[in-house]
C-alpha atoms as a PDB file:
ATOM      1  CA  MET A   1     102.022  97.995 121.627  1.00  0.00           C
ATOM      2  CA  ALA A   2     102.225 101.665 122.541  1.00  0.00           C
ATOM      3  CA  CYS A   3     101.013 104.997 121.217  1.00  0.00           C
ATOM      4  CA  THR A   4     101.945 108.602 121.899  1.00  0.00           C
ATOM      5  CA  CYS A   5      98.395 109.969 121.815  1.00  0.00           C
ATOM      6  CA  PRO A   6      97.056 111.570 125.038  1.00  0.00           C
ATOM      7  CA  HIS A   7      94.433 108.855 125.550  1.00  0.00           C
ATOM      8  CA  HIS A   8      97.055 106.125 125.763  1.00  0.00           C
ATOM      9  CA  VAL A   9      99.737 108.188 127.526  1.00  0.00           C
ATOM     10  CA  HIS A  10      97.551 109.642 130.305  1.00  0.00           C
ATOM     11  CA  ARG A  11      95.044 106.820 130.756  1.00  0.00           C
ATOM     12  CA  ASN A  12      97.259 103.901 129.738  1.00  0.00           C
ATOM     13  CA  ALA A  13      94.278 102.721 127.703  1.00  0.00           C
ATOM     14  CA  PHE A  14      93.950 100.933 124.365  1.00  0.00           C
ATOM     15  CA  CYS A  15      93.356 103.810 121.914  1.00  0.00           C
ATOM     16  CA  LYS A  16      91.797 104.118 118.454  1.00  0.00           C
ATOM     17  CA  HIS A  17      95.256 104.297 116.868  1.00  0.00           C
ATOM     18  CA  MET A  18      96.242 100.961 118.376  1.00  0.00           C
ATOM     19  CA  ALA A  19      92.930  99.460 117.257  1.00  0.00           C
ATOM     20  CA  ALA A  20      93.454 100.725 113.708  1.00  0.00           C
ATOM     21  CA  VAL A  21      96.912  99.161 113.484  1.00  0.00           C
ATOM     22  CA  GLU A  22      95.656  95.909 114.955  1.00  0.00           C
ATOM     23  CA  ASN A  23      92.726  95.733 112.514  1.00  0.00           C
ATOM     24  CA  ALA A  24      94.705  96.821 109.449  1.00  0.00           C
ATOM     25  CA  THR A  25      97.534  94.307 109.805  1.00  0.00           C
ATOM     26  CA  ASP A  26      98.134  90.697 110.619  1.00  0.00           C
ATOM     27  CA  GLY A  27      99.781  91.766 113.862  1.00  0.00           C
ATOM     28  CA  THR A  28     103.006  92.938 112.285  1.00  0.00           C
ATOM     29  CA  LEU A  29     103.758  96.332 110.856  1.00  0.00           C
ATOM     30  CA  ASP A  30     106.876  97.124 108.838  1.00  0.00           C
ATOM     31  CA  ALA A  31     107.058 100.842 109.594  1.00  0.00           C
ATOM     32  CA  PHE A  32     110.726 101.022 108.673  1.00  0.00           C
ATOM     33  CA  PRO A  33     111.364  98.687 105.719  1.00  0.00           C
ATOM     34  CA  SER A  34     114.878  97.372 105.353  1.00  0.00           C
ATOM     35  CA  GLU A  35     117.324  99.101 103.023  1.00  0.00           C
ATOM     36  CA  ASP A  36     117.593  95.890 100.969  1.00  0.00           C
ATOM     37  CA  GLU A  37     114.031  96.257  99.680  1.00  0.00           C
ATOM     38  CA  ASN A  38     115.074  99.207  97.488  1.00  0.00           C
ATOM     39  CA  ASP A  39     117.819  97.115  95.855  1.00  0.00           C
ATOM     40  CA  THR A  40     115.423  94.708  94.199  1.00  0.00           C
ATOM     41  CA  GLU A  41     114.460  95.663  90.672  1.00  0.00           C
ATOM     42  CA  PRO A  42     110.698  95.942  90.050  1.00  0.00           C
ATOM     43  CA  ALA A  43     109.319  93.352  87.632  1.00  0.00           C
ATOM     44  CA  ASP A  44     108.224  96.107  85.232  1.00  0.00           C
ATOM     45  CA  CYS A  45     111.568  97.996  85.282  1.00  0.00           C
ATOM     46  CA  ASP A  46     112.483  99.582  81.939  1.00  0.00           C
ATOM     47  CA  CYS A  47     115.515 101.667  82.989  1.00  0.00           C
ATOM     48  CA  GLU A  48     117.797  99.902  80.530  1.00  0.00           C
ATOM     49  CA  GLY A  49     115.946 101.336  77.544  1.00  0.00           C
ATOM     50  CA  LEU A  50     115.895 104.920  78.843  1.00  0.00           C
ATOM     51  CA  GLY A  51     119.546 105.903  78.452  1.00  0.00           C
ATOM     52  CA  GLY A  52     120.315 106.384  82.146  1.00  0.00           C
ATOM     53  CA  PHE A  53     116.951 107.970  83.029  1.00  0.00           C
ATOM     54  CA  PRO A  54     115.037 106.030  85.707  1.00  0.00           C
ATOM     55  CA  CYS A  55     111.758 104.368  84.798  1.00  0.00           C
ATOM     56  CA  TRP A  56     108.595 105.158  86.759  1.00  0.00           C
ATOM     57  CA  PRO A  57     108.412 101.785  88.587  1.00  0.00           C
ATOM     58  CA  CYS A  58     111.929 102.364  89.999  1.00  0.00           C
ATOM     59  CA  VAL A  59     111.107 105.949  91.018  1.00  0.00           C
ATOM     60  CA  ARG A  60     107.777 104.941  92.593  1.00  0.00           C
ATOM     61  CA  THR A  61     109.354 102.170  94.680  1.00  0.00           C
ATOM     62  CA  GLY A  62     112.225 104.418  95.819  1.00  0.00           C
ATOM     63  CA  ARG A  63     114.890 102.371  94.051  1.00  0.00           C
ATOM     64  CA  LYS A  64     116.011 105.379  91.975  1.00  0.00           C
ATOM     65  CA  GLU A  65     115.423 109.132  92.092  1.00  0.00           C
ATOM     66  CA  LEU A  66     114.501 111.492  89.282  1.00  0.00           C
ATOM     67  CA  PRO A  67     117.340 113.797  88.229  1.00  0.00           C
ATOM     68  CA  ASN A  68     116.939 117.532  88.843  1.00  0.00           C
END
């Protein structure tokens, strides 16, 4: 584990950021989720009934974007 904060960089010490990640997760952190996760349709998707307009669950999960 590494951090870019001055405490870790200059002292090579375990910092508060590293502690927060360690305590908030089970030891794994998916900082960059795979592209495939956006392809799965949310269980509460209602895009079909909106005439081509994306439903909120799809917008919220990043599966679809709101039109301009």
